[in-house]
Amino acid sequence: MDNKTPANPNNPAPLSDEEMMKLIDEILDSVQPQEAEGCLLAIANGTSPPRDIPVALTPDQASSLLLFLHRGGG
């Protein structure tokens, strides 16, 4: 996704399962799974991730990705 930002960063559209899989794949191409989860958690909490990731996410999107991973989607 090359650091693309949502069209409306204050209220982005929900991500589809397919979009979430693409984002997760892009993140995992650049960081280890344990680091990826830490990065998503930091973003979901509104703080800077400990490591740069190749996608720009809102806290809501990061939270959705974490839930997706934990329910077995990734």
N, C-alpha and C. Protein backbone atom coordinates (compact mmCIF):
# COMPACT_ATOMS: atom_id res chain seq x y z
N MET A 1 0.81 -1.20 0.00
CA MET A 1 0.00 0.00 0.00
C MET A 1 0.85 1.26 0.00
N ASP A 2 2.10 1.15 0.22
CA ASP A 2 3.03 2.26 0.11
C ASP A 2 2.60 3.51 0.86
N ASN A 3 2.31 3.35 2.14
CA ASN A 3 1.94 4.46 3.02
C ASN A 3 0.74 5.25 2.53
N LYS A 4 -0.21 4.60 1.88
CA LYS A 4 -1.44 5.28 1.47
C LYS A 4 -2.25 5.58 2.71
N THR A 5 -2.88 6.72 2.72
CA THR A 5 -3.73 7.07 3.84
C THR A 5 -5.18 6.92 3.42
N PRO A 6 -6.07 6.71 4.38
CA PRO A 6 -7.47 6.58 4.04
C PRO A 6 -8.01 7.86 3.41
N ALA A 7 -9.04 7.72 2.57
CA ALA A 7 -9.64 8.89 1.92
C ALA A 7 -10.13 9.89 2.96
N ASN A 8 -10.74 9.42 4.03
CA ASN A 8 -11.19 10.27 5.11
C ASN A 8 -10.58 9.72 6.40
N PRO A 9 -9.42 10.23 6.81
CA PRO A 9 -8.73 9.65 7.97
C PRO A 9 -9.51 9.74 9.27
N ASN A 10 -10.49 10.65 9.37
CA ASN A 10 -11.27 10.76 10.60
C ASN A 10 -12.37 9.72 10.68
N ASN A 11 -12.81 9.19 9.55
CA ASN A 11 -13.87 8.20 9.53
C ASN A 11 -13.69 7.27 8.33
N PRO A 12 -12.64 6.44 8.35
CA PRO A 12 -12.40 5.56 7.19
C PRO A 12 -13.45 4.47 7.09
N ALA A 13 -13.66 4.02 5.88
CA ALA A 13 -14.59 2.91 5.67
C ALA A 13 -14.01 1.65 6.29
N PRO A 14 -14.87 0.77 6.79
CA PRO A 14 -14.36 -0.49 7.34
C PRO A 14 -13.62 -1.28 6.27
N LEU A 15 -12.61 -2.01 6.70
CA LEU A 15 -11.82 -2.82 5.79
C LEU A 15 -12.49 -4.17 5.58
N SER A 16 -12.47 -4.64 4.34
CA SER A 16 -12.98 -5.99 4.06
C SER A 16 -11.93 -7.00 4.51
N ASP A 17 -12.35 -8.26 4.62
CA ASP A 17 -11.39 -9.31 4.99
C ASP A 17 -10.24 -9.37 3.99
N GLU A 18 -10.55 -9.20 2.71
CA GLU A 18 -9.51 -9.23 1.68
C GLU A 18 -8.53 -8.07 1.86
N GLU A 19 -9.03 -6.89 2.15
CA GLU A 19 -8.15 -5.74 2.38
C GLU A 19 -7.29 -5.96 3.62
N MET A 20 -7.88 -6.55 4.66
CA MET A 20 -7.11 -6.81 5.87
C MET A 20 -6.00 -7.81 5.59
N MET A 21 -6.28 -8.84 4.81
CA MET A 21 -5.24 -9.82 4.48
C MET A 21 -4.10 -9.16 3.70
N LYS A 22 -4.43 -8.29 2.77
CA LYS A 22 -3.39 -7.59 2.00
C LYS A 22 -2.54 -6.72 2.91
N LEU A 23 -3.18 -5.99 3.83
CA LEU A 23 -2.43 -5.14 4.75
C LEU A 23 -1.53 -5.98 5.65
N ILE A 24 -2.06 -7.07 6.17
CA ILE A 24 -1.27 -7.95 7.04
C ILE A 24 -0.08 -8.52 6.28
N ASP A 25 -0.29 -8.94 5.04
CA ASP A 25 0.82 -9.45 4.23
C ASP A 25 1.89 -8.40 4.03
N GLU A 26 1.48 -7.16 3.76
CA GLU A 26 2.45 -6.08 3.58
C GLU A 26 3.23 -5.82 4.86
N ILE A 27 2.54 -5.84 5.98
CA ILE A 27 3.20 -5.61 7.26
C ILE A 27 4.18 -6.74 7.56
N LEU A 28 3.74 -7.99 7.35
CA LEU A 28 4.59 -9.14 7.66
C LEU A 28 5.78 -9.27 6.71
N ASP A 29 5.71 -8.62 5.55
CA ASP A 29 6.86 -8.60 4.65
C ASP A 29 7.99 -7.73 5.21
N SER A 30 7.66 -6.85 6.16
CA SER A 30 8.68 -5.93 6.66
C SER A 30 9.05 -6.14 8.13
N VAL A 31 8.20 -6.81 8.91
CA VAL A 31 8.50 -7.04 10.33
C VAL A 31 8.08 -8.46 10.73
N GLN A 32 8.66 -8.96 11.81
CA GLN A 32 8.32 -10.28 12.34
C GLN A 32 6.90 -10.24 12.92
N PRO A 33 6.22 -11.39 12.97
CA PRO A 33 4.84 -11.40 13.49
C PRO A 33 4.69 -10.78 14.89
N GLN A 34 5.63 -11.06 15.79
CA GLN A 34 5.54 -10.50 17.14
C GLN A 34 5.68 -8.98 17.11
N GLU A 35 6.55 -8.48 16.26
CA GLU A 35 6.73 -7.04 16.12
C GLU A 35 5.51 -6.40 15.46
N ALA A 36 4.91 -7.11 14.51
CA ALA A 36 3.74 -6.59 13.81
C ALA A 36 2.60 -6.37 14.79
N GLU A 37 2.39 -7.33 15.68
CA GLU A 37 1.32 -7.19 16.66
C GLU A 37 1.58 -5.99 17.58
N GLY A 38 2.84 -5.81 17.99
CA GLY A 38 3.19 -4.67 18.83
C GLY A 38 2.98 -3.35 18.11
N CYS A 39 3.29 -3.32 16.83
CA CYS A 39 3.08 -2.11 16.03
C CYS A 39 1.60 -1.79 15.91
N LEU A 40 0.79 -2.81 15.62
CA LEU A 40 -0.65 -2.60 15.51
C LEU A 40 -1.26 -2.16 16.84
N LEU A 41 -0.79 -2.75 17.93
CA LEU A 41 -1.30 -2.37 19.25
C LEU A 41 -0.97 -0.91 19.57
N ALA A 42 0.25 -0.50 19.24
CA ALA A 42 0.64 0.90 19.49
C ALA A 42 -0.23 1.85 18.68
N ILE A 43 -0.43 1.55 17.41
CA ILE A 43 -1.26 2.40 16.55
C ILE A 43 -2.69 2.43 17.07
N ALA A 44 -3.22 1.26 17.45
CA ALA A 44 -4.58 1.19 17.98
C ALA A 44 -4.73 2.04 19.24
N ASN A 45 -3.65 2.15 20.02
CA ASN A 45 -3.67 2.96 21.23
C ASN A 45 -3.36 4.42 20.97
N GLY A 46 -3.13 4.77 19.72
CA GLY A 46 -2.89 6.16 19.36
C GLY A 46 -1.46 6.63 19.56
N THR A 47 -0.53 5.69 19.66
CA THR A 47 0.88 6.06 19.82
C THR A 47 1.67 5.61 18.60
N SER A 48 2.89 6.06 18.52
CA SER A 48 3.76 5.67 17.40
C SER A 48 4.20 4.22 17.58
N PRO A 49 4.22 3.47 16.49
CA PRO A 49 4.69 2.08 16.60
C PRO A 49 6.19 2.05 16.89
N PRO A 50 6.65 0.98 17.55
CA PRO A 50 8.08 0.88 17.87
C PRO A 50 8.95 0.74 16.63
N ARG A 51 8.32 0.37 15.52
CA ARG A 51 9.03 0.17 14.26
C ARG A 51 8.15 0.65 13.13
N ASP A 52 8.76 1.19 12.08
CA ASP A 52 7.99 1.64 10.93
C ASP A 52 7.39 0.44 10.21
N ILE A 53 6.16 0.62 9.75
CA ILE A 53 5.52 -0.39 8.92
C ILE A 53 5.15 0.28 7.59
N PRO A 54 4.99 -0.50 6.52
CA PRO A 54 4.81 0.09 5.19
C PRO A 54 3.41 0.58 4.87
N VAL A 55 2.52 0.61 5.85
CA VAL A 55 1.16 1.09 5.61
C VAL A 55 0.79 2.12 6.67
N ALA A 56 -0.06 3.06 6.28
CA ALA A 56 -0.56 4.06 7.23
C ALA A 56 -1.95 3.62 7.67
N LEU A 57 -2.14 3.51 8.97
CA LEU A 57 -3.41 3.04 9.51
C LEU A 57 -3.93 4.02 10.56
N THR A 58 -5.24 4.10 10.65
CA THR A 58 -5.85 4.84 11.75
C THR A 58 -5.90 3.91 12.96
N PRO A 59 -6.09 4.45 14.16
CA PRO A 59 -6.24 3.56 15.32
C PRO A 59 -7.38 2.55 15.16
N ASP A 60 -8.50 2.96 14.58
CA ASP A 60 -9.61 2.04 14.37
C ASP A 60 -9.24 0.91 13.41
N GLN A 61 -8.51 1.24 12.35
CA GLN A 61 -8.10 0.21 11.40
C GLN A 61 -7.12 -0.76 12.05
N ALA A 62 -6.18 -0.24 12.84
CA ALA A 62 -5.22 -1.11 13.52
C ALA A 62 -5.94 -2.03 14.50
N SER A 63 -6.92 -1.49 15.21
CA SER A 63 -7.70 -2.31 16.13
C SER A 63 -8.46 -3.40 15.38
N SER A 64 -9.04 -3.06 14.24
CA SER A 64 -9.74 -4.05 13.42
C SER A 64 -8.79 -5.15 12.95
N LEU A 65 -7.58 -4.76 12.56
CA LEU A 65 -6.59 -5.76 12.12
C LEU A 65 -6.20 -6.69 13.27
N LEU A 66 -6.04 -6.14 14.47
CA LEU A 66 -5.71 -6.97 15.62
C LEU A 66 -6.83 -7.98 15.89
N LEU A 67 -8.07 -7.51 15.87
CA LEU A 67 -9.20 -8.41 16.08
C LEU A 67 -9.25 -9.49 15.01
N PHE A 68 -9.00 -9.09 13.78
CA PHE A 68 -8.99 -10.02 12.64
C PHE A 68 -7.94 -11.11 12.86
N LEU A 69 -6.76 -10.71 13.28
CA LEU A 69 -5.70 -11.69 13.53
C LEU A 69 -6.05 -12.63 14.66
N HIS A 70 -6.63 -12.09 15.73
CA HIS A 70 -6.92 -12.90 16.90
C HIS A 70 -8.12 -13.83 16.70
N ARG A 71 -8.97 -13.50 15.76
CA ARG A 71 -10.09 -14.42 15.48
C ARG A 71 -9.68 -15.45 14.44
N GLY A 72 -8.43 -15.41 14.00
CA GLY A 72 -7.92 -16.43 13.10
C GLY A 72 -7.98 -16.06 11.63
N GLY A 73 -8.18 -14.78 11.34
CA GLY A 73 -8.28 -14.37 9.94
C GLY A 73 -6.95 -14.31 9.23
N GLY A 74 -5.86 -14.19 9.97
CA GLY A 74 -4.58 -13.99 9.31
C GLY A 74 -3.68 -15.17 9.34
